Structure formats: structure tokens, C-alpha cells
PDB file of N, CA and C in Angstrom:
ATOM      1  N   MET A   1      10.409  -4.044   9.652  1.00  0.00           N
ATOM      2  CA  MET A   1       9.448  -5.136   9.457  1.00  0.00           C
ATOM      3  C   MET A   1       8.145  -4.579   8.937  1.00  0.00           C
ATOM      4  N   PRO A   2       7.595  -5.172   7.840  1.00  0.00           N
ATOM      5  CA  PRO A   2       6.341  -4.645   7.279  1.00  0.00           C
ATOM      6  C   PRO A   2       5.160  -4.755   8.252  1.00  0.00           C
ATOM      7  N   ARG A   3       4.252  -3.821   8.013  1.00  0.00           N
ATOM      8  CA  ARG A   3       2.996  -3.774   8.796  1.00  0.00           C
ATOM      9  C   ARG A   3       1.839  -4.179   7.831  1.00  0.00           C
ATOM     10  N   TYR A   4       0.913  -4.953   8.350  1.00  0.00           N
ATOM     11  CA  TYR A   4      -0.190  -5.364   7.529  1.00  0.00           C
ATOM     12  C   TYR A   4      -1.492  -4.908   8.239  1.00  0.00           C
ATOM     13  N   ASP A   5      -2.456  -4.428   7.463  1.00  0.00           N
ATOM     14  CA  ASP A   5      -3.674  -3.992   8.016  1.00  0.00           C
ATOM     15  C   ASP A   5      -4.690  -5.086   7.942  1.00  0.00           C
ATOM     16  N   PHE A   6      -5.508  -5.283   9.028  1.00  0.00           N
ATOM     17  CA  PHE A   6      -6.565  -6.263   9.120  1.00  0.00           C
ATOM     18  C   PHE A   6      -7.845  -5.581   9.525  1.00  0.00           C
ATOM     19  N   ARG A   7      -9.007  -6.286   9.255  1.00  0.00           N
ATOM     20  CA  ARG A   7     -10.287  -5.830   9.709  1.00  0.00           C
ATOM     21  C   ARG A   7     -10.934  -7.053  10.328  1.00  0.00           C
ATOM     22  N   CYS A   8     -11.560  -6.853  11.422  1.00  0.00           N
ATOM     23  CA  CYS A   8     -12.281  -7.875  12.131  1.00  0.00           C
ATOM     24  C   CYS A   8     -13.695  -7.991  11.556  1.00  0.00           C
ATOM     25  N   ARG A   9     -14.131  -9.119  11.085  1.00  0.00           N
ATOM     26  CA  ARG A   9     -15.484  -9.335  10.596  1.00  0.00           C
ATOM     27  C   ARG A   9     -16.483  -9.394  11.658  1.00  0.00           C
ATOM     28  N   SER A  10     -16.107  -9.659  12.926  1.00  0.00           N
ATOM     29  CA  SER A  10     -17.007  -9.754  14.065  1.00  0.00           C
ATOM     30  C   SER A  10     -17.446  -8.402  14.587  1.00  0.00           C
ATOM     31  N   CYS A  11     -16.421  -7.567  14.889  1.00  0.00           N
ATOM     32  CA  CYS A  11     -16.658  -6.294  15.516  1.00  0.00           C
ATOM     33  C   CYS A  11     -16.380  -5.046  14.606  1.00  0.00           C
ATOM     34  N   GLY A  12     -15.778  -5.291  13.411  1.00  0.00           N
ATOM     35  CA  GLY A  12     -15.540  -4.207  12.488  1.00  0.00           C
ATOM     36  C   GLY A  12     -14.246  -3.373  12.761  1.00  0.00           C
ATOM     37  N   ALA A  13     -13.492  -3.716  13.826  1.00  0.00           N
ATOM     38  CA  ALA A  13     -12.308  -3.060  14.184  1.00  0.00           C
ATOM     39  C   ALA A  13     -11.168  -3.217  13.095  1.00  0.00           C
ATOM     40  N   THR A  14     -10.436  -2.179  12.836  1.00  0.00           N
ATOM     41  CA  THR A  14      -9.269  -2.295  11.959  1.00  0.00           C
ATOM     42  C   THR A  14      -8.052  -2.136  12.764  1.00  0.00           C
ATOM     43  N   PHE A  15      -6.941  -2.889  12.500  1.00  0.00           N
ATOM     44  CA  PHE A  15      -5.707  -2.899  13.252  1.00  0.00           C
ATOM     45  C   PHE A  15      -4.570  -3.308  12.381  1.00  0.00           C
ATOM     46  N   GLU A  16      -3.340  -3.016  12.852  1.00  0.00           N
ATOM     47  CA  GLU A  16      -2.114  -3.313  12.208  1.00  0.00           C
ATOM     48  C   GLU A  16      -1.409  -4.384  12.890  1.00  0.00           C
ATOM     49  N   VAL A  17      -0.648  -5.221  12.131  1.00  0.00           N
ATOM     50  CA  VAL A  17       0.140  -6.256  12.674  1.00  0.00           C
ATOM     51  C   VAL A  17       1.561  -6.126  11.992  1.00  0.00           C
ATOM     52  N   SER A  18       2.627  -6.103  12.772  1.00  0.00           N
ATOM     53  CA  SER A  18       3.999  -6.085  12.259  1.00  0.00           C
ATOM     54  C   SER A  18       4.449  -7.514  12.293  1.00  0.00           C
ATOM     55  N   ARG A  19       4.911  -8.001  11.158  1.00  0.00           N
ATOM     56  CA  ARG A  19       5.424  -9.387  11.052  1.00  0.00           C
ATOM     57  C   ARG A  19       6.330  -9.436   9.819  1.00  0.00           C
ATOM     58  N   PRO A  20       7.139 -10.482   9.749  1.00  0.00           N
ATOM     59  CA  PRO A  20       8.007 -10.674   8.589  1.00  0.00           C
ATOM     60  C   PRO A  20       7.176 -11.048   7.348  1.00  0.00           C
ATOM     61  N   MET A  21       7.710 -10.725   6.210  1.00  0.00           N
ATOM     62  CA  MET A  21       6.993 -11.002   4.959  1.00  0.00           C
ATOM     63  C   MET A  21       6.623 -12.490   4.816  1.00  0.00           C
ATOM     64  N   SER A  22       7.470 -13.339   5.322  1.00  0.00           N
ATOM     65  CA  SER A  22       7.260 -14.782   5.248  1.00  0.00           C
ATOM     66  C   SER A  22       5.993 -15.186   6.016  1.00  0.00           C
ATOM     67  N   GLU A  23       5.503 -14.332   6.873  1.00  0.00           N
ATOM     68  CA  GLU A  23       4.258 -14.632   7.642  1.00  0.00           C
ATOM     69  C   GLU A  23       3.142 -13.789   7.239  1.00  0.00           C
ATOM     70  N   SER A  24       3.221 -13.120   6.079  1.00  0.00           N
ATOM     71  CA  SER A  24       2.211 -12.145   5.677  1.00  0.00           C
ATOM     72  C   SER A  24       0.780 -12.788   5.506  1.00  0.00           C
ATOM     73  N   ALA A  25       0.716 -14.068   5.169  1.00  0.00           N
ATOM     74  CA  ALA A  25      -0.573 -14.714   4.921  1.00  0.00           C
ATOM     75  C   ALA A  25      -1.105 -15.329   6.215  1.00  0.00           C
ATOM     76  N   ALA A  26      -0.316 -15.328   7.306  1.00  0.00           N
ATOM     77  CA  ALA A  26      -0.811 -15.960   8.530  1.00  0.00           C
ATOM     78  C   ALA A  26      -2.086 -15.164   9.101  1.00  0.00           C
ATOM     79  N   PRO A  27      -3.025 -15.924   9.693  1.00  0.00           N
ATOM     80  CA  PRO A  27      -4.196 -15.230  10.274  1.00  0.00           C
ATOM     81  C   PRO A  27      -3.802 -14.366  11.471  1.00  0.00           C
ATOM     82  N   ALA A  28      -4.644 -13.467  11.829  1.00  0.00           N
ATOM     83  CA  ALA A  28      -4.421 -12.571  12.944  1.00  0.00           C
ATOM     84  C   ALA A  28      -5.673 -12.385  13.766  1.00  0.00           C
ATOM     85  N   SER A  29      -5.597 -12.348  15.078  1.00  0.00           N
ATOM     86  CA  SER A  29      -6.746 -12.094  15.934  1.00  0.00           C
ATOM     87  C   SER A  29      -6.834 -10.557  16.135  1.00  0.00           C
ATOM     88  N   CYS A  30      -8.067 -10.044  16.238  1.00  0.00           N
ATOM     89  CA  CYS A  30      -8.248  -8.658  16.521  1.00  0.00           C
ATOM     90  C   CYS A  30      -7.931  -8.365  17.945  1.00  0.00           C
ATOM     91  N   PRO A  31      -7.746  -7.111  18.299  1.00  0.00           N
ATOM     92  CA  PRO A  31      -7.458  -6.696  19.701  1.00  0.00           C
ATOM     93  C   PRO A  31      -8.564  -7.088  20.678  1.00  0.00           C
ATOM     94  N   GLN A  32      -9.757  -7.326  20.238  1.00  0.00           N
ATOM     95  CA  GLN A  32     -10.873  -7.812  21.050  1.00  0.00           C
ATOM     96  C   GLN A  32     -10.892  -9.328  21.227  1.00  0.00           C
ATOM     97  N   GLY A  33      -9.990 -10.065  20.549  1.00  0.00           N
ATOM     98  CA  GLY A  33      -9.822 -11.448  20.700  1.00  0.00           C
ATOM     99  C   GLY A  33     -10.656 -12.232  19.663  1.00  0.00           C
ATOM    100  N   HIS A  34     -11.248 -11.615  18.638  1.00  0.00           N
ATOM    101  CA  HIS A  34     -11.973 -12.371  17.587  1.00  0.00           C
ATOM    102  C   HIS A  34     -11.009 -12.899  16.596  1.00  0.00           C
ATOM    103  N   ASP A  35     -11.353 -14.052  16.056  1.00  0.00           N
ATOM    104  CA  ASP A  35     -10.391 -14.727  15.082  1.00  0.00           C
ATOM    105  C   ASP A  35     -10.886 -14.532  13.650  1.00  0.00           C
ATOM    106  N   ASP A  36     -12.112 -14.025  13.423  1.00  0.00           N
ATOM    107  CA  ASP A  36     -12.626 -13.853  12.058  1.00  0.00           C
ATOM    108  C   ASP A  36     -12.206 -12.511  11.433  1.00  0.00           C
ATOM    109  N   THR A  37     -10.945 -12.560  10.963  1.00  0.00           N
ATOM    110  CA  THR A  37     -10.368 -11.338  10.414  1.00  0.00           C
ATOM    111  C   THR A  37      -9.968 -11.467   8.932  1.00  0.00           C
ATOM    112  N   VAL A  38      -9.838 -10.413   8.314  1.00  0.00           N
ATOM    113  CA  VAL A  38      -9.391 -10.412   6.907  1.00  0.00           C
ATOM    114  C   VAL A  38      -8.295  -9.339   6.665  1.00  0.00           C
ATOM    115  N   ARG A  39      -7.256  -9.718   5.924  1.00  0.00           N
ATOM    116  CA  ARG A  39      -6.177  -8.805   5.677  1.00  0.00           C
ATOM    117  C   ARG A  39      -6.657  -7.822   4.577  1.00  0.00           C
ATOM    118  N   LEU A  40      -6.357  -6.486   4.823  1.00  0.00           N
ATOM    119  CA  LEU A  40      -6.806  -5.443   3.911  1.00  0.00           C
ATOM    120  C   LEU A  40      -5.711  -5.168   2.852  1.00  0.00           C
ATOM    121  N   LEU A  41      -6.107  -4.717   1.768  1.00  0.00           N
ATOM    122  CA  LEU A  41      -5.092  -4.332   0.725  1.00  0.00           C
ATOM    123  C   LEU A  41      -4.719  -2.936   1.052  1.00  0.00           C
ATOM    124  N   SER A  42      -3.408  -2.810   1.307  1.00  0.00           N
ATOM    125  CA  SER A  42      -2.857  -1.462   1.761  1.00  0.00           C
ATOM    126  C   SER A  42      -2.330  -0.693   0.559  1.00  0.00           C
ATOM    127  N   THR A  43      -2.435   0.570   0.600  1.00  0.00           N
ATOM    128  CA  THR A  43      -1.789   1.387  -0.431  1.00  0.00           C
ATOM    129  C   THR A  43      -0.792   2.300   0.317  1.00  0.00           C
ATOM    130  N   VAL A  44       0.265   2.570  -0.369  1.00  0.00           N
ATOM    131  CA  VAL A  44       1.315   3.376   0.136  1.00  0.00           C
ATOM    132  C   VAL A  44       1.436   4.701  -0.588  1.00  0.00           C
ATOM    133  N   ALA A  45       1.378   5.768   0.122  1.00  0.00           N
ATOM    134  CA  ALA A  45       1.458   7.109  -0.472  1.00  0.00           C
ATOM    135  C   ALA A  45       2.779   7.732  -0.006  1.00  0.00           C
ATOM    136  N   VAL A  46       3.673   8.031  -0.946  1.00  0.00           N
ATOM    137  CA  VAL A  46       4.945   8.666  -0.619  1.00  0.00           C
ATOM    138  C   VAL A  46       4.883  10.109  -1.107  1.00  0.00           C
ATOM    139  N   THR A  47       5.063  11.048  -0.199  1.00  0.00           N
ATOM    140  CA  THR A  47       5.027  12.433  -0.571  1.00  0.00           C
ATOM    141  C   THR A  47       6.243  13.123  -0.163  1.00  0.00           C
ATOM    142  N   GLY A  48       6.565  14.236  -0.806  1.00  0.00           N
ATOM    143  CA  GLY A  48       7.701  15.023  -0.434  1.00  0.00           C
ATOM    144  C   GLY A  48       9.009  14.464  -0.896  1.00  0.00           C
ATOM    145  N   ARG A  49      10.049  15.220  -0.819  1.00  0.00           N
ATOM    146  CA  ARG A  49      11.358  14.751  -1.144  1.00  0.00           C
ATOM    147  C   ARG A  49      12.375  15.171  -0.005  1.00  0.00           C
ATOM    148  N   GLY A  50      13.398  14.375   0.038  1.00  0.00           N
ATOM    149  CA  GLY A  50      14.385  14.661   1.032  1.00  0.00           C
ATOM    150  C   GLY A  50      15.133  15.957   0.717  1.00  0.00           C
ATOM    151  N   ALA A  51      15.829  16.530   1.648  1.00  0.00           N
ATOM    152  CA  ALA A  51      16.614  17.693   1.474  1.00  0.00           C
ATOM    153  C   ALA A  51      17.657  17.457   0.406  1.00  0.00           C
ATOM    154  N   GLY A  52      17.893  18.420  -0.448  1.00  0.00           N
ATOM    155  CA  GLY A  52      18.922  18.277  -1.504  1.00  0.00           C
ATOM    156  C   GLY A  52      18.544  17.516  -2.711  1.00  0.00           C
ATOM    157  N   SER A  53      17.279  16.976  -2.748  1.00  0.00           N
ATOM    158  CA  SER A  53      16.911  16.247  -3.943  1.00  0.00           C
ATOM    159  C   SER A  53      16.653  17.104  -5.104  1.00  0.00           C
ATOM    160  N   ALA A  54      16.944  16.642  -6.246  1.00  0.00           N
ATOM    161  CA  ALA A  54      16.734  17.381  -7.512  1.00  0.00           C
ATOM    162  C   ALA A  54      15.252  17.319  -7.813  1.00  0.00           C
ATOM    163  N   PRO A  55      14.652  18.386  -8.418  1.00  0.00           N
ATOM    164  CA  PRO A  55      13.260  18.355  -8.711  1.00  0.00           C
ATOM    165  C   PRO A  55      12.960  17.283  -9.763  1.00  0.00           C
ATOM    166  N   ALA A  56      11.763  16.756  -9.660  1.00  0.00           N
ATOM    167  CA  ALA A  56      11.315  15.709 -10.587  1.00  0.00           C
ATOM    168  C   ALA A  56      11.245  16.243 -12.008  1.00  0.00           C
ATOM    169  N   PRO A  57      11.565  15.441 -13.013  1.00  0.00           N
ATOM    170  CA  PRO A  57      11.476  15.892 -14.353  1.00  0.00           C
ATOM    171  C   PRO A  57      10.039  16.108 -14.729  1.00  0.00           C
ATOM    172  N   PRO A  58       9.706  16.976 -15.715  1.00  0.00           N
ATOM    173  CA  PRO A  58       8.325  17.153 -16.072  1.00  0.00           C
ATOM    174  C   PRO A  58       7.756  15.955 -16.760  1.00  0.00           C
ATOM    175  N   ALA A  59       6.492  15.775 -16.587  1.00  0.00           N
ATOM    176  CA  ALA A  59       5.830  14.571 -17.193  1.00  0.00           C
ATOM    177  C   ALA A  59       5.760  14.737 -18.653  1.00  0.00           C
ATOM    178  N   PRO A  60       5.960  13.645 -19.428  1.00  0.00           N
ATOM    179  CA  PRO A  60       5.865  13.809 -20.922  1.00  0.00           C
ATOM    180  C   PRO A  60       4.462  14.246 -21.322  1.00  0.00           C
ATOM    181  N   SER A  61       4.421  14.996 -22.394  1.00  0.00           N
ATOM    182  CA  SER A  61       3.181  15.454 -22.986  1.00  0.00           C
ATOM    183  C   SER A  61       3.068  15.117 -24.368  1.00  0.00           C
ATOM    184  N   GLY A  62       1.923  15.227 -24.925  1.00  0.00           N
ATOM    185  CA  GLY A  62       1.723  14.830 -26.313  1.00  0.00           C
ATOM    186  C   GLY A  62       0.686  13.752 -26.378  1.00  0.00           C
ATOM    187  N   GLY A  63       0.381  13.373 -27.582  1.00  0.00           N
ATOM    188  CA  GLY A  63      -0.626  12.347 -27.775  1.00  0.00           C
ATOM    189  C   GLY A  63      -0.053  11.062 -28.315  1.00  0.00           C
ATOM    190  N   GLY A  64      -0.909  10.225 -28.836  1.00  0.00           N
ATOM    191  CA  GLY A  64      -0.491   8.956 -29.392  1.00  0.00           C
ATOM    192  C   GLY A  64      -0.437   7.848 -28.322  1.00  0.00           C
ATOM    193  N   CYS A  65      -0.324   6.655 -28.810  1.00  0.00           N
ATOM    194  CA  CYS A  65      -0.341   5.529 -27.951  1.00  0.00           C
ATOM    195  C   CYS A  65       0.952   5.409 -27.034  1.00  0.00           C
ATOM    196  N   CYS A  66       2.008   6.086 -27.403  1.00  0.00           N
ATOM    197  CA  CYS A  66       3.146   5.936 -26.557  1.00  0.00           C
ATOM    198  C   CYS A  66       3.511   7.313 -25.848  1.00  0.00           C
ATOM    199  N   GLY A  67       2.613   8.252 -25.912  1.00  0.00           N
ATOM    200  CA  GLY A  67       2.721   9.462 -25.209  1.00  0.00           C
ATOM    201  C   GLY A  67       3.480  10.562 -25.933  1.00  0.00           C
ATOM    202  N   GLY A  68       4.251  10.206 -27.009  1.00  0.00           N
ATOM    203  CA  GLY A  68       5.053  11.174 -27.742  1.00  0.00           C
ATOM    204  C   GLY A  68       4.649  11.331 -29.166  1.00  0.00           C
ATOM    205  N   GLY A  69       3.702  10.652 -29.583  1.00  0.00           N
ATOM    206  CA  GLY A  69       3.190  10.846 -30.889  1.00  0.00           C
ATOM    207  C   GLY A  69       4.087  10.151 -31.959  1.00  0.00           C
ATOM    208  N   CYS A  70       4.969   9.293 -31.508  1.00  0.00           N
ATOM    209  CA  CYS A  70       5.889   8.670 -32.458  1.00  0.00           C
ATOM    210  C   CYS A  70       5.303   7.376 -33.150  1.00  0.00           C
ATOM    211  N   CYS A  71       4.162   6.953 -32.709  1.00  0.00           N
ATOM    212  CA  CYS A  71       3.554   5.776 -33.262  1.00  0.00           C
ATOM    213  C   CYS A  71       2.837   6.110 -34.561  1.00  0.00           C
ATOM    214  N   GLY A  72       2.802   5.146 -35.420  1.00  0.00           N
ATOM    215  CA  GLY A  72       2.189   5.451 -36.741  1.00  0.00           C
ATOM    216  C   GLY A  72       0.727   5.217 -36.699  1.00  0.00           C
TER     217      GLY A  72
END
């Protein structure tokens, strides 16, 4: 189940709420009981690779608008 980050405008606390995606826009009360909260934009950072994974291919290099210099 996805977790959504919220911040309370009354006390400044940040907290997470686990809920289905169908309820992602529903309001949430902060742990202190305040109702004036806002959902934060979350970023996901994925690092590392699982065991046995092949190394990532090298990033393309070169210039031009498409990265390989093939554009006229």
C-alpha cells in the first residue's frame, strides 16, 4: 500500500499515511489532531542493485540534440 507524506500547517509536523491510491487525495489529520494539513510531493530514490544483476550500461556520450551527434 502506498505511503503519502503530509505536513501540518498548524504545528509544522510531518507524517506519513498509508492508504490505497484511490484515497490519495483524501484529507489527513496530523498526529496532534489538527486538520489543516497538506500532502507533500514525495521523491523516490532507488539505489543499489540486487544480487546477480548485470551492471548498468554506460551512459551515452557525445553532443548534438539527440546525444549522439546524428542530428543535422
